[in-house]
Amino acid sequence: MTDPQTTLTERELAIIEFEATWFTLDQDRHDAIRARFACSVEDYNLELNRVIDHPAALFADPLVVRRLRRNRERRRRALIDGAAAGEQA
């Protein structure tokens, strides 16, 4: 029996799958998010960040989850580095 804390919902799995394949769609990413998940892009991004931090996400698709985590970390570092550069000026 699996622990409910370590399993992902269908929606969470769909988010990971979408992140693996959205670039193959003939549709703008933001439009696809609104159509498929019925939420704003901002809400989707918040949910995506929660999903990729979930321990079971790595079992669902380790390559996609690691890529998303790396990209998020790069964006965070760029913001921090940009803010630090602004303080020095």
N, C-alpha and C. Protein backbone atom coordinates (compact mmCIF):
# COMPACT_ATOMS: atom_id res chain seq x y z
N MET A 1 0.84 -1.19 0.00
CA MET A 1 0.00 0.00 0.00
C MET A 1 0.88 1.24 0.00
N THR A 2 0.50 2.24 -0.80
CA THR A 2 1.30 3.46 -0.86
C THR A 2 0.79 4.49 0.13
N ASP A 3 1.69 5.26 0.61
CA ASP A 3 1.38 6.33 1.55
C ASP A 3 0.77 7.50 0.77
N PRO A 4 -0.41 8.01 1.16
CA PRO A 4 -1.03 9.12 0.43
C PRO A 4 -0.15 10.36 0.39
N GLN A 5 0.74 10.50 1.34
CA GLN A 5 1.63 11.67 1.36
C GLN A 5 2.65 11.60 0.23
N THR A 6 2.90 10.41 -0.30
CA THR A 6 3.93 10.27 -1.32
C THR A 6 3.36 10.09 -2.72
N THR A 7 2.04 10.19 -2.89
CA THR A 7 1.45 10.05 -4.22
C THR A 7 0.96 11.41 -4.71
N LEU A 8 0.94 11.55 -6.01
CA LEU A 8 0.47 12.79 -6.62
C LEU A 8 -0.96 12.61 -7.12
N THR A 9 -1.70 13.69 -7.14
CA THR A 9 -3.06 13.66 -7.67
C THR A 9 -3.00 13.61 -9.19
N GLU A 10 -4.13 13.35 -9.81
CA GLU A 10 -4.19 13.35 -11.28
C GLU A 10 -3.82 14.72 -11.83
N ARG A 11 -4.28 15.76 -11.17
CA ARG A 11 -3.96 17.12 -11.63
C ARG A 11 -2.46 17.39 -11.53
N GLU A 12 -1.85 16.97 -10.44
CA GLU A 12 -0.40 17.18 -10.27
C GLU A 12 0.38 16.41 -11.33
N LEU A 13 -0.04 15.19 -11.62
CA LEU A 13 0.61 14.42 -12.68
C LEU A 13 0.40 15.08 -14.04
N ALA A 14 -0.79 15.64 -14.26
CA ALA A 14 -1.08 16.33 -15.51
C ALA A 14 -0.19 17.56 -15.67
N ILE A 15 0.09 18.24 -14.57
CA ILE A 15 0.97 19.42 -14.62
C ILE A 15 2.37 19.00 -15.02
N ILE A 16 2.87 17.94 -14.44
CA ILE A 16 4.21 17.46 -14.80
C ILE A 16 4.25 17.04 -16.27
N GLU A 17 3.21 16.33 -16.71
CA GLU A 17 3.14 15.91 -18.11
C GLU A 17 3.08 17.12 -19.04
N PHE A 18 2.30 18.12 -18.67
CA PHE A 18 2.19 19.34 -19.48
C PHE A 18 3.56 20.01 -19.61
N GLU A 19 4.30 20.09 -18.52
CA GLU A 19 5.61 20.73 -18.56
C GLU A 19 6.59 19.96 -19.44
N ALA A 20 6.36 18.66 -19.59
CA ALA A 20 7.23 17.85 -20.44
C ALA A 20 6.90 18.00 -21.92
N THR A 21 5.68 18.47 -22.22
CA THR A 21 5.24 18.44 -23.62
C THR A 21 4.68 19.74 -24.17
N TRP A 22 4.55 20.79 -23.38
CA TRP A 22 3.84 21.99 -23.85
C TRP A 22 4.47 22.60 -25.09
N PHE A 23 5.76 22.48 -25.25
CA PHE A 23 6.45 23.10 -26.39
C PHE A 23 6.12 22.41 -27.71
N THR A 24 5.50 21.24 -27.67
CA THR A 24 5.11 20.55 -28.89
C THR A 24 3.72 20.97 -29.36
N LEU A 25 3.01 21.74 -28.56
CA LEU A 25 1.65 22.16 -28.90
C LEU A 25 1.68 23.31 -29.91
N ASP A 26 0.64 23.39 -30.71
CA ASP A 26 0.50 24.51 -31.64
C ASP A 26 -0.32 25.62 -30.99
N GLN A 27 -0.01 25.89 -29.74
CA GLN A 27 -0.78 26.85 -28.96
C GLN A 27 0.18 27.58 -28.03
N ASP A 28 -0.12 28.85 -27.76
CA ASP A 28 0.67 29.61 -26.81
C ASP A 28 0.61 28.93 -25.44
N ARG A 29 1.71 28.91 -24.73
CA ARG A 29 1.78 28.22 -23.44
C ARG A 29 0.73 28.76 -22.46
N HIS A 30 0.61 30.06 -22.39
CA HIS A 30 -0.34 30.67 -21.45
C HIS A 30 -1.78 30.32 -21.81
N ASP A 31 -2.09 30.32 -23.10
CA ASP A 31 -3.43 29.93 -23.53
C ASP A 31 -3.70 28.46 -23.21
N ALA A 32 -2.69 27.63 -23.41
CA ALA A 32 -2.83 26.20 -23.12
C ALA A 32 -3.06 25.96 -21.62
N ILE A 33 -2.37 26.72 -20.79
CA ILE A 33 -2.53 26.59 -19.33
C ILE A 33 -3.96 26.96 -18.95
N ARG A 34 -4.44 28.09 -19.46
CA ARG A 34 -5.80 28.52 -19.12
C ARG A 34 -6.84 27.50 -19.59
N ALA A 35 -6.66 26.96 -20.79
CA ALA A 35 -7.62 26.01 -21.35
C ALA A 35 -7.58 24.67 -20.63
N ARG A 36 -6.40 24.18 -20.36
CA ARG A 36 -6.28 22.83 -19.80
C ARG A 36 -6.53 22.78 -18.30
N PHE A 37 -6.05 23.80 -17.58
CA PHE A 37 -6.13 23.74 -16.12
C PHE A 37 -7.16 24.70 -15.52
N ALA A 38 -7.80 25.48 -16.35
CA ALA A 38 -8.87 26.39 -15.91
C ALA A 38 -8.45 27.26 -14.74
N CYS A 39 -7.28 27.87 -14.89
CA CYS A 39 -6.80 28.80 -13.86
C CYS A 39 -5.90 29.82 -14.53
N SER A 40 -5.55 30.85 -13.80
CA SER A 40 -4.64 31.86 -14.33
C SER A 40 -3.22 31.30 -14.39
N VAL A 41 -2.40 31.94 -15.19
CA VAL A 41 -1.01 31.51 -15.30
C VAL A 41 -0.31 31.66 -13.95
N GLU A 42 -0.64 32.71 -13.22
CA GLU A 42 -0.03 32.93 -11.91
C GLU A 42 -0.38 31.80 -10.94
N ASP A 43 -1.67 31.42 -10.92
CA ASP A 43 -2.09 30.32 -10.05
C ASP A 43 -1.43 29.01 -10.47
N TYR A 44 -1.32 28.80 -11.79
CA TYR A 44 -0.66 27.60 -12.30
C TYR A 44 0.79 27.55 -11.83
N ASN A 45 1.50 28.67 -11.94
CA ASN A 45 2.90 28.69 -11.54
C ASN A 45 3.07 28.42 -10.04
N LEU A 46 2.17 28.94 -9.23
CA LEU A 46 2.22 28.64 -7.79
C LEU A 46 2.02 27.14 -7.55
N GLU A 47 1.05 26.58 -8.26
CA GLU A 47 0.78 25.15 -8.11
C GLU A 47 1.95 24.32 -8.64
N LEU A 48 2.51 24.74 -9.75
CA LEU A 48 3.67 24.04 -10.32
C LEU A 48 4.83 24.00 -9.33
N ASN A 49 5.09 25.11 -8.68
CA ASN A 49 6.18 25.14 -7.69
C ASN A 49 5.90 24.21 -6.53
N ARG A 50 4.66 24.11 -6.10
CA ARG A 50 4.32 23.16 -5.04
C ARG A 50 4.51 21.73 -5.51
N VAL A 51 4.10 21.47 -6.75
CA VAL A 51 4.20 20.11 -7.29
C VAL A 51 5.66 19.66 -7.40
N ILE A 52 6.51 20.51 -7.94
CA ILE A 52 7.91 20.08 -8.14
C ILE A 52 8.66 19.95 -6.82
N ASP A 53 8.13 20.52 -5.75
CA ASP A 53 8.73 20.33 -4.43
C ASP A 53 8.22 19.08 -3.73
N HIS A 54 7.16 18.48 -4.26
CA HIS A 54 6.57 17.28 -3.67
C HIS A 54 7.55 16.11 -3.83
N PRO A 55 7.78 15.33 -2.78
CA PRO A 55 8.74 14.22 -2.87
C PRO A 55 8.41 13.22 -3.97
N ALA A 56 7.15 12.99 -4.25
CA ALA A 56 6.76 12.00 -5.26
C ALA A 56 6.96 12.51 -6.68
N ALA A 57 7.17 13.80 -6.86
CA ALA A 57 7.32 14.35 -8.21
C ALA A 57 8.52 13.75 -8.92
N LEU A 58 9.59 13.51 -8.20
CA LEU A 58 10.78 12.92 -8.82
C LEU A 58 10.51 11.52 -9.35
N PHE A 59 9.61 10.81 -8.74
CA PHE A 59 9.27 9.47 -9.22
C PHE A 59 8.42 9.55 -10.49
N ALA A 60 7.62 10.59 -10.62
CA ALA A 60 6.74 10.73 -11.78
C ALA A 60 7.54 11.01 -13.05
N ASP A 61 8.46 11.97 -13.00
CA ASP A 61 9.29 12.30 -14.17
C ASP A 61 10.54 13.03 -13.67
N PRO A 62 11.56 12.28 -13.31
CA PRO A 62 12.74 12.91 -12.70
C PRO A 62 13.43 13.95 -13.58
N LEU A 63 13.51 13.72 -14.89
CA LEU A 63 14.19 14.68 -15.76
C LEU A 63 13.47 16.01 -15.81
N VAL A 64 12.17 15.97 -15.96
CA VAL A 64 11.38 17.21 -16.04
C VAL A 64 11.43 17.95 -14.71
N VAL A 65 11.25 17.23 -13.61
CA VAL A 65 11.23 17.87 -12.29
C VAL A 65 12.58 18.49 -11.98
N ARG A 66 13.65 17.80 -12.27
CA ARG A 66 14.99 18.38 -12.02
C ARG A 66 15.22 19.62 -12.89
N ARG A 67 14.78 19.56 -14.16
CA ARG A 67 14.94 20.72 -15.05
C ARG A 67 14.16 21.91 -14.52
N LEU A 68 12.93 21.67 -14.08
CA LEU A 68 12.10 22.76 -13.54
C LEU A 68 12.71 23.34 -12.27
N ARG A 69 13.24 22.49 -11.42
CA ARG A 69 13.88 22.97 -10.19
C ARG A 69 15.11 23.80 -10.51
N ARG A 70 15.92 23.33 -11.47
CA ARG A 70 17.13 24.08 -11.87
C ARG A 70 16.75 25.45 -12.44
N ASN A 71 15.75 25.47 -13.32
CA ASN A 71 15.33 26.74 -13.92
C ASN A 71 14.81 27.70 -12.86
N ARG A 72 14.05 27.18 -11.90
CA ARG A 72 13.53 28.02 -10.82
C ARG A 72 14.69 28.60 -10.00
N GLU A 73 15.67 27.77 -9.71
CA GLU A 73 16.83 28.24 -8.94
C GLU A 73 17.61 29.30 -9.71
N ARG A 74 17.77 29.13 -11.02
CA ARG A 74 18.46 30.14 -11.84
C ARG A 74 17.72 31.47 -11.80
N ARG A 75 16.39 31.41 -11.91
CA ARG A 75 15.60 32.65 -11.87
C ARG A 75 15.76 33.33 -10.50
N ARG A 76 15.72 32.55 -9.44
CA ARG A 76 15.87 33.11 -8.09
C ARG A 76 17.24 33.76 -7.92
N ARG A 77 18.27 33.08 -8.39
CA ARG A 77 19.63 33.65 -8.27
C ARG A 77 19.78 34.91 -9.10
N ALA A 78 19.18 34.93 -10.28
CA ALA A 78 19.25 36.12 -11.12
C ALA A 78 18.56 37.30 -10.43
N LEU A 79 17.43 37.03 -9.77
CA LEU A 79 16.75 38.10 -9.03
C LEU A 79 17.60 38.60 -7.88
N ILE A 80 18.19 37.67 -7.15
CA ILE A 80 19.03 38.05 -6.02
C ILE A 80 20.25 38.82 -6.49
N ASP A 81 20.91 38.32 -7.54
CA ASP A 81 22.09 38.99 -8.07
C ASP A 81 21.75 40.37 -8.62
N GLY A 82 20.59 40.48 -9.27
CA GLY A 82 20.15 41.78 -9.78
C GLY A 82 19.85 42.76 -8.67
N ALA A 83 19.23 42.28 -7.60
CA ALA A 83 18.93 43.14 -6.46
C ALA A 83 20.21 43.58 -5.78
N ALA A 84 21.16 42.67 -5.66
CA ALA A 84 22.44 43.00 -5.02
C ALA A 84 23.20 44.00 -5.85
N ALA A 85 23.15 43.88 -7.17
CA ALA A 85 23.85 44.83 -8.05
C ALA A 85 23.21 46.20 -7.94
N GLY A 86 21.89 46.25 -7.78
CA GLY A 86 21.20 47.52 -7.64
C GLY A 86 21.55 48.22 -6.34
N GLU A 87 21.80 47.45 -5.28
CA GLU A 87 22.15 48.03 -3.98
C GLU A 87 23.56 48.61 -4.01
N GLN A 88 24.44 48.03 -4.84
CA GLN A 88 25.82 48.51 -4.90
C GLN A 88 25.95 49.79 -5.70
N ALA A 89 25.00 50.04 -6.58
CA ALA A 89 25.10 51.22 -7.45
C ALA A 89 24.90 52.50 -6.70
